[in-house]
Amino acid sequence: MRAIGRNIIIRKEKKGTTETKGGLLLAENQREDIRYTAATVVSPGEEAINAGLSEGSNIYFDRHAGHKIEVEKETYHLIKLQDVVVVL
């Protein structure tokens, strides 16, 4: 599997549930205070490679960006280069 152009295939980091100060348990998708989420690059497209991304790079991206894709019963996400905000 290989991304093309400005596309990037990523694997989102799983955080599970978190507990608030008041003791409420929140699922990852219920956290409204966090806009960006962490991920690992599985396959960067050619333009993403030229921008400094490589396979295995840790990034933060807009959590509302992209689409899910399932390959061999594993779920990945497909985002655009412009959705990446931080490369670690």
Protein backbone atom coordinates (compact mmCIF):
# COMPACT_ATOMS: atom_id res chain seq x y z
CA MET A 1 0.00 0.00 0.00
CA ARG A 2 1.42 3.35 -1.08
CA ALA A 3 0.08 6.90 -0.85
CA ILE A 4 0.19 9.15 -3.92
CA GLY A 5 0.85 12.90 -4.24
CA ARG A 6 -0.17 15.00 -1.20
CA ASN A 7 -1.88 12.07 0.52
CA ILE A 8 -0.56 10.41 3.66
CA ILE A 9 -1.62 7.06 5.09
CA ILE A 10 -1.44 7.08 8.89
CA ARG A 11 -2.18 4.90 11.90
CA LYS A 12 -3.85 6.90 14.68
CA GLU A 13 -2.54 6.58 18.20
CA LYS A 14 -5.08 4.94 20.51
CA LYS A 15 -5.57 6.73 23.83
CA GLY A 16 -8.62 4.95 25.22
CA THR A 17 -10.64 6.58 27.98
CA THR A 18 -9.51 9.46 30.19
CA GLU A 19 -10.82 10.58 33.55
CA THR A 20 -11.79 14.20 34.21
CA LYS A 21 -11.07 16.04 37.47
CA GLY A 22 -14.67 15.35 38.49
CA GLY A 23 -14.26 11.59 37.94
CA LEU A 24 -16.14 11.25 34.62
CA LEU A 25 -14.73 8.80 32.09
CA LEU A 26 -14.55 10.18 28.56
CA ALA A 27 -13.94 8.19 25.38
CA GLU A 28 -11.32 9.53 22.98
CA ASN A 29 -13.95 10.87 20.54
CA GLN A 30 -15.72 12.81 23.34
CA ARG A 31 -12.74 15.05 24.14
CA GLU A 32 -13.84 18.40 22.70
CA ASP A 33 -10.85 20.27 24.20
CA ILE A 34 -8.31 18.41 22.03
CA ARG A 35 -8.30 19.45 18.37
CA TYR A 36 -5.15 17.66 17.18
CA THR A 37 -4.34 13.99 17.54
CA ALA A 38 -1.15 11.94 17.28
CA ALA A 39 -0.40 9.41 14.55
CA THR A 40 2.40 7.49 12.88
CA VAL A 41 2.99 7.79 9.14
CA VAL A 42 2.59 4.46 7.34
CA SER A 43 3.09 5.76 3.79
CA PRO A 44 3.72 9.35 2.66
CA GLY A 45 3.02 10.46 -0.91
CA GLU A 46 5.74 12.00 -3.10
CA GLU A 47 4.91 15.62 -2.15
CA ALA A 48 4.81 14.69 1.54
CA ILE A 49 8.29 13.14 1.24
CA ASN A 50 9.55 16.37 -0.34
CA ALA A 51 8.06 18.27 2.63
CA GLY A 52 10.13 16.20 5.08
CA LEU A 53 7.81 13.34 6.05
CA SER A 54 9.00 9.76 5.98
CA GLU A 55 7.61 6.37 6.92
CA GLY A 56 7.52 6.06 10.71
CA SER A 57 7.37 9.83 11.38
CA ASN A 58 5.29 10.84 14.38
CA ILE A 59 2.87 13.65 13.57
CA TYR A 60 -0.06 15.62 14.93
CA PHE A 61 -2.96 16.34 12.59
CA ASP A 62 -6.45 17.87 12.68
CA ARG A 63 -8.67 15.14 14.16
CA HIS A 64 -11.56 16.02 11.82
CA ALA A 65 -9.45 15.56 8.70
CA GLY A 66 -9.31 12.59 6.37
CA HIS A 67 -11.12 9.33 5.87
CA LYS A 68 -10.81 5.78 7.18
CA ILE A 69 -9.59 3.00 4.94
CA GLU A 70 -9.57 -0.71 5.75
CA VAL A 71 -6.89 -2.97 4.27
CA GLU A 72 -6.64 -6.63 5.27
CA LYS A 73 -8.90 -6.06 8.32
CA GLU A 74 -6.70 -3.22 9.64
CA THR A 75 -8.00 0.35 9.78
CA TYR A 76 -5.84 3.24 8.57
CA HIS A 77 -6.62 6.91 7.93
CA LEU A 78 -5.93 8.87 4.77
CA ILE A 79 -5.18 12.58 5.24
CA LYS A 80 -3.78 15.40 3.12
CA LEU A 81 -0.38 17.02 3.69
CA GLN A 82 -2.07 20.33 4.65
CA ASP A 83 -3.77 18.62 7.64
CA VAL A 84 -0.43 17.91 9.35
CA VAL A 85 0.42 20.57 11.94
CA VAL A 86 3.45 19.11 13.76
CA VAL A 87 6.18 16.62 12.84
CA LEU A 88 8.12 15.25 15.80
